[in-house]
Structures are given as C-alpha cells and as structure tokens.
N, C-alpha and C. Protein backbone atom coordinates (compact mmCIF):
# COMPACT_ATOMS: atom_id res chain seq x y z
N MET A 1 97.38 -135.55 -121.99
CA MET A 1 96.08 -135.92 -122.23
C MET A 1 95.99 -137.43 -122.42
N GLU A 2 97.02 -138.13 -122.86
CA GLU A 2 96.92 -139.49 -122.97
C GLU A 2 96.33 -140.21 -121.41
N LYS A 3 96.91 -139.70 -120.29
CA LYS A 3 96.51 -140.26 -119.01
C LYS A 3 95.27 -139.97 -118.65
N THR A 4 94.78 -138.91 -119.27
CA THR A 4 93.28 -138.51 -118.86
C THR A 4 92.29 -139.48 -119.81
N ASP A 5 92.68 -139.76 -120.95
CA ASP A 5 92.01 -140.51 -121.83
C ASP A 5 91.99 -142.09 -121.10
N ASN A 6 93.18 -142.45 -120.72
CA ASN A 6 93.24 -143.77 -120.04
C ASN A 6 92.28 -143.90 -118.98
N LEU A 7 92.32 -142.93 -118.04
CA LEU A 7 91.51 -142.84 -116.93
C LEU A 7 90.14 -143.01 -117.23
N ILE A 8 89.73 -141.92 -118.29
CA ILE A 8 88.38 -142.23 -118.90
C ILE A 8 87.96 -143.50 -119.07
N LYS A 9 88.64 -144.01 -119.94
CA LYS A 9 88.33 -145.34 -120.31
C LYS A 9 88.28 -146.52 -119.33
N LEU A 10 89.21 -146.29 -118.19
CA LEU A 10 89.18 -147.24 -116.90
C LEU A 10 87.90 -147.08 -116.34
N ILE A 11 87.71 -145.94 -116.09
CA ILE A 11 86.25 -145.53 -115.37
C ILE A 11 85.01 -146.18 -116.18
N ASP A 12 85.07 -145.86 -117.51
CA ASP A 12 83.93 -146.16 -118.20
C ASP A 12 83.66 -147.78 -118.55
N SER A 13 84.78 -148.48 -118.02
CA SER A 13 84.77 -149.98 -118.14
C SER A 13 84.49 -150.52 -116.80
N MET A 14 84.40 -149.67 -115.81
CA MET A 14 84.12 -150.26 -114.33
C MET A 14 82.55 -150.86 -114.41
N LYS A 15 82.37 -151.97 -113.62
CA LYS A 15 81.11 -152.71 -113.58
C LYS A 15 79.86 -151.73 -113.16
N GLU A 16 80.03 -150.64 -112.21
CA GLU A 16 79.19 -149.74 -111.79
C GLU A 16 78.73 -149.01 -112.79
N ILE A 17 79.54 -148.38 -113.83
CA ILE A 17 79.25 -147.60 -114.83
C ILE A 17 78.51 -148.28 -115.80
N GLN A 18 78.91 -149.56 -116.16
CA GLN A 18 78.27 -150.38 -117.12
C GLN A 18 77.00 -150.73 -116.92
N ASP A 19 76.61 -151.00 -115.53
CA ASP A 19 75.42 -151.15 -114.80
C ASP A 19 74.36 -150.00 -115.09
N MET A 20 74.97 -148.88 -114.69
CA MET A 20 74.39 -147.64 -114.91
C MET A 20 73.84 -147.40 -116.23
N LYS A 21 74.65 -147.51 -117.21
CA LYS A 21 74.30 -147.27 -118.57
C LYS A 21 73.14 -148.35 -118.98
N LYS A 22 73.37 -149.48 -118.78
CA LYS A 22 72.32 -150.63 -119.02
C LYS A 22 71.01 -150.24 -118.53
N LYS A 23 70.94 -149.86 -117.23
CA LYS A 23 69.91 -149.56 -116.50
C LYS A 23 69.05 -148.19 -117.13
N LYS A 24 69.91 -147.09 -117.45
CA LYS A 24 69.52 -146.11 -118.21
C LYS A 24 68.89 -146.38 -119.46
N LYS A 25 69.37 -147.12 -120.08
CA LYS A 25 69.00 -147.60 -121.50
C LYS A 25 67.61 -148.30 -121.46
N GLU A 26 67.61 -149.18 -120.24
CA GLU A 26 66.27 -149.71 -120.31
C GLU A 26 65.20 -148.86 -119.84
N VAL A 27 65.60 -147.91 -119.12
CA VAL A 27 64.51 -147.04 -118.62
C VAL A 27 63.93 -146.04 -119.78
N LEU A 28 64.98 -145.77 -120.57
CA LEU A 28 64.70 -144.89 -121.74
C LEU A 28 64.02 -145.52 -122.95
N GLU A 29 63.92 -147.08 -122.86
CA GLU A 29 63.35 -147.71 -123.83
C GLU A 29 61.78 -147.86 -123.50
N ASP A 30 61.68 -147.75 -122.38
CA ASP A 30 60.34 -148.10 -121.62
C ASP A 30 59.42 -146.86 -121.92
N LYS A 31 58.64 -146.86 -123.07
CA LYS A 31 57.90 -145.81 -123.63
C LYS A 31 56.55 -145.32 -122.68
N GLU A 32 56.08 -146.26 -121.95
CA GLU A 32 54.93 -146.30 -121.15
C GLU A 32 55.58 -145.39 -119.92
N PHE A 33 56.74 -145.83 -119.24
CA PHE A 33 57.43 -144.93 -118.19
C PHE A 33 57.64 -143.69 -118.55
N LEU A 34 58.21 -143.52 -119.86
CA LEU A 34 58.65 -141.84 -120.15
C LEU A 34 57.53 -141.15 -120.27
N LYS A 35 56.34 -141.77 -120.69
CA LYS A 35 54.89 -141.16 -120.77
C LYS A 35 54.64 -140.45 -119.24
N LYS A 36 54.82 -141.56 -118.33
CA LYS A 36 54.38 -140.91 -117.09
C LYS A 36 55.39 -140.12 -116.45
N LEU A 37 56.63 -139.81 -116.87
CA LEU A 37 57.65 -138.93 -116.46
C LEU A 37 57.18 -137.57 -116.97
N GLU A 38 56.80 -137.63 -118.28
CA GLU A 38 56.53 -136.38 -118.98
C GLU A 38 55.25 -135.72 -118.44
N GLU A 39 54.40 -136.75 -118.02
CA GLU A 39 52.96 -136.19 -117.50
C GLU A 39 53.47 -135.75 -115.90
N TYR A 40 54.15 -136.34 -115.37
CA TYR A 40 54.61 -135.71 -113.93
C TYR A 40 55.31 -134.24 -114.19
N LYS A 41 56.02 -134.23 -115.27
CA LYS A 41 56.48 -132.83 -115.22
C LYS A 41 55.52 -131.75 -115.61
N THR A 42 54.55 -132.00 -116.11
CA THR A 42 53.49 -131.12 -116.47
C THR A 42 52.37 -131.15 -115.67
N ASN A 43 52.20 -132.15 -114.90
CA ASN A 43 51.18 -132.27 -113.85
C ASN A 43 51.63 -132.98 -112.57
N PRO A 44 52.59 -132.58 -111.80
CA PRO A 44 53.14 -133.41 -110.71
C PRO A 44 52.04 -133.52 -109.71
N THR A 45 51.67 -134.90 -109.38
CA THR A 45 50.86 -135.32 -108.55
C THR A 45 51.53 -136.47 -107.56
N GLU A 46 50.98 -136.50 -106.25
CA GLU A 46 51.66 -137.48 -105.59
C GLU A 46 51.43 -138.85 -106.09
N GLU A 47 50.31 -139.16 -106.53
CA GLU A 47 49.71 -140.51 -107.05
C GLU A 47 50.76 -140.93 -108.12
N LEU A 48 50.90 -139.96 -108.92
CA LEU A 48 51.69 -140.16 -110.14
C LEU A 48 53.36 -140.38 -109.81
N LYS A 49 53.76 -139.48 -108.84
CA LYS A 49 55.00 -139.69 -108.26
C LYS A 49 55.32 -141.16 -107.56
N GLU A 50 54.42 -141.51 -106.85
CA GLU A 50 54.14 -142.93 -106.22
C GLU A 50 54.43 -144.00 -107.27
N GLU A 51 53.72 -143.81 -108.25
CA GLU A 51 53.58 -144.79 -109.31
C GLU A 51 54.98 -144.90 -109.88
N ILE A 52 55.54 -143.68 -110.22
CA ILE A 52 56.91 -143.69 -110.92
C ILE A 52 58.00 -144.37 -110.04
N LEU A 53 57.93 -144.00 -108.60
CA LEU A 53 59.01 -144.64 -107.93
C LEU A 53 58.71 -145.95 -107.44
N LYS A 54 57.54 -146.59 -107.80
CA LYS A 54 57.41 -147.97 -107.71
C LYS A 54 57.79 -148.89 -108.84
N ASN A 55 58.33 -148.33 -109.86
CA ASN A 55 58.70 -148.91 -110.87
C ASN A 55 60.00 -149.47 -110.69
N LYS A 56 60.26 -150.78 -110.99
CA LYS A 56 61.34 -151.60 -110.38
C LYS A 56 62.58 -151.09 -111.03
N MET A 57 62.51 -151.04 -112.43
CA MET A 57 63.60 -150.61 -113.37
C MET A 57 64.06 -149.36 -112.92
N TYR A 58 63.35 -148.27 -112.62
CA TYR A 58 63.66 -146.93 -112.26
C TYR A 58 64.25 -146.99 -111.02
N ARG A 59 63.92 -147.67 -110.01
CA ARG A 59 64.47 -147.71 -108.67
C ARG A 59 65.87 -148.48 -108.84
N GLU A 60 65.96 -149.37 -109.64
CA GLU A 60 67.15 -150.09 -110.01
C GLU A 60 68.51 -149.01 -110.44
N TYR A 61 67.91 -148.24 -111.34
CA TYR A 61 68.63 -147.23 -112.02
C TYR A 61 68.92 -146.14 -111.10
N LEU A 62 68.04 -145.59 -110.18
CA LEU A 62 68.59 -144.73 -109.08
C LEU A 62 69.35 -145.31 -108.06
N LYS A 63 69.32 -146.32 -107.84
CA LYS A 63 70.46 -147.08 -107.25
C LYS A 63 71.70 -147.08 -107.71
N THR A 64 71.86 -147.41 -108.82
CA THR A 64 73.10 -147.35 -109.44
C THR A 64 73.63 -145.98 -109.67
N GLU A 65 72.94 -145.12 -109.85
CA GLU A 65 73.14 -143.59 -110.10
C GLU A 65 73.79 -143.26 -108.60
N THR A 66 73.04 -143.59 -107.46
CA THR A 66 73.46 -143.33 -106.18
C THR A 66 74.76 -143.87 -105.77
N ASP A 67 75.03 -145.18 -106.31
CA ASP A 67 76.35 -145.66 -105.96
C ASP A 67 77.49 -145.22 -106.83
N ILE A 68 77.15 -144.46 -107.95
CA ILE A 68 78.06 -143.87 -108.83
C ILE A 68 78.51 -142.51 -108.08
N ASN A 69 77.53 -141.85 -107.52
CA ASN A 69 77.74 -140.54 -106.86
C ASN A 69 78.70 -140.81 -105.56
N ILE A 70 78.46 -141.93 -105.06
CA ILE A 70 79.16 -142.29 -103.59
C ILE A 70 80.53 -142.55 -104.14
N LEU A 71 80.69 -143.28 -105.15
CA LEU A 71 82.13 -143.48 -105.81
C LEU A 71 82.76 -142.11 -106.22
N ILE A 72 82.00 -141.24 -106.85
CA ILE A 72 82.74 -139.93 -107.20
C ILE A 72 83.16 -139.32 -105.95
N MET A 73 82.32 -139.35 -104.72
CA MET A 73 82.52 -138.58 -103.74
C MET A 73 83.87 -139.02 -102.89
N ALA A 74 83.86 -140.37 -103.16
CA ALA A 74 85.25 -141.15 -102.67
C ALA A 74 86.33 -140.75 -103.49
N ILE A 75 86.35 -140.75 -104.62
CA ILE A 75 87.41 -140.38 -105.38
C ILE A 75 87.85 -138.96 -105.34
N ASN A 76 86.98 -138.08 -105.00
CA ASN A 76 87.19 -136.58 -104.68
C ASN A 76 87.90 -136.62 -103.58
N GLN A 77 87.53 -137.39 -102.40
CA GLN A 77 88.13 -137.10 -101.10
C GLN A 77 89.60 -137.63 -101.18
N LYS A 78 89.81 -138.75 -102.04
CA LYS A 78 90.95 -139.31 -102.27
C LYS A 78 91.99 -138.31 -102.80
N LEU A 79 91.49 -137.63 -103.94
CA LEU A 79 92.22 -136.62 -104.69
C LEU A 79 92.71 -135.32 -103.96
N LYS A 80 91.65 -135.08 -102.93
CA LYS A 80 91.82 -133.91 -101.95
C LYS A 80 92.82 -134.40 -101.14
N GLU A 81 93.10 -135.52 -100.60
CA GLU A 81 93.86 -136.05 -99.71
C GLU A 81 95.51 -135.96 -100.37
N ILE A 82 95.46 -136.57 -101.52
CA ILE A 82 96.66 -136.52 -102.21
C ILE A 82 97.16 -135.03 -102.58
N LYS A 83 96.27 -134.33 -102.94
CA LYS A 83 96.76 -132.74 -102.98
C LYS A 83 97.19 -132.21 -101.87
N GLU A 84 96.46 -132.39 -100.72
CA GLU A 84 97.02 -131.87 -99.54
C GLU A 84 98.33 -132.32 -99.08
N GLU A 85 98.67 -133.68 -99.21
CA GLU A 85 99.83 -134.33 -99.05
C GLU A 85 101.11 -133.58 -99.66
N GLY A 86 100.93 -132.99 -100.80
CA GLY A 86 101.98 -132.51 -101.62
C GLY A 86 102.19 -130.78 -101.33
N GLN A 87 101.42 -130.33 -100.48
CA GLN A 87 101.39 -128.92 -100.49
C GLN A 87 102.40 -128.56 -99.19
N CYS A 88 103.26 -127.60 -99.42
CA CYS A 88 104.22 -127.03 -98.52
C CYS A 88 103.37 -126.02 -97.73
N ASP A 89 103.82 -126.02 -96.48
CA ASP A 89 103.28 -124.90 -95.49
C ASP A 89 104.06 -123.69 -95.49
N LEU A 90 104.04 -122.96 -96.34
CA LEU A 90 104.77 -121.81 -96.43
C LEU A 90 103.94 -120.58 -96.01
C-alpha cells in the first residue's frame, strides 16, 4: 500500500495535474460561466454551446484534461507492455 500511496503522491505532484486542478478551480469559481453551463444542461442550444466553448478559461481546462487523458493512455500502454513481458507462454 505504501508504494501505491507514493505513486499517487508522485502523480499528484506532476505539473500537468497541478495545472488541471488550477484551471478546474478557476472554472468552478466563475459563477457566470457555471450559470451558462447549467442553462445549457436544461436548454441546450447551439448558440449557448458556442458561447461556452469560446470561454478561454474553459478551453484551457479542456486542453489540460485532454493532456492528462493522453498521459493516462501512455501509462496504461506501458503497464500493458510490462505485464506482457512477464508472462510465460504456457
């Protein structure tokens, strides 16, 4: 369990993770923007969607989220390779 905790701490301290947390906090603190998101959930219009996607802060958050997802996929691929290296062909 200690190794798991250490790995989680390492991942949590990564610049990409810190950037995503910071940007998420900024988005969640923007009450005007959150109001638009809630409105979109109840009344999804193309105009409102475009307005939401034009928000620079939100776009930056989405980019960091995408970067994290790409990182997760790379980690998963590497773990799969490591796992396959250790298998016996019985």
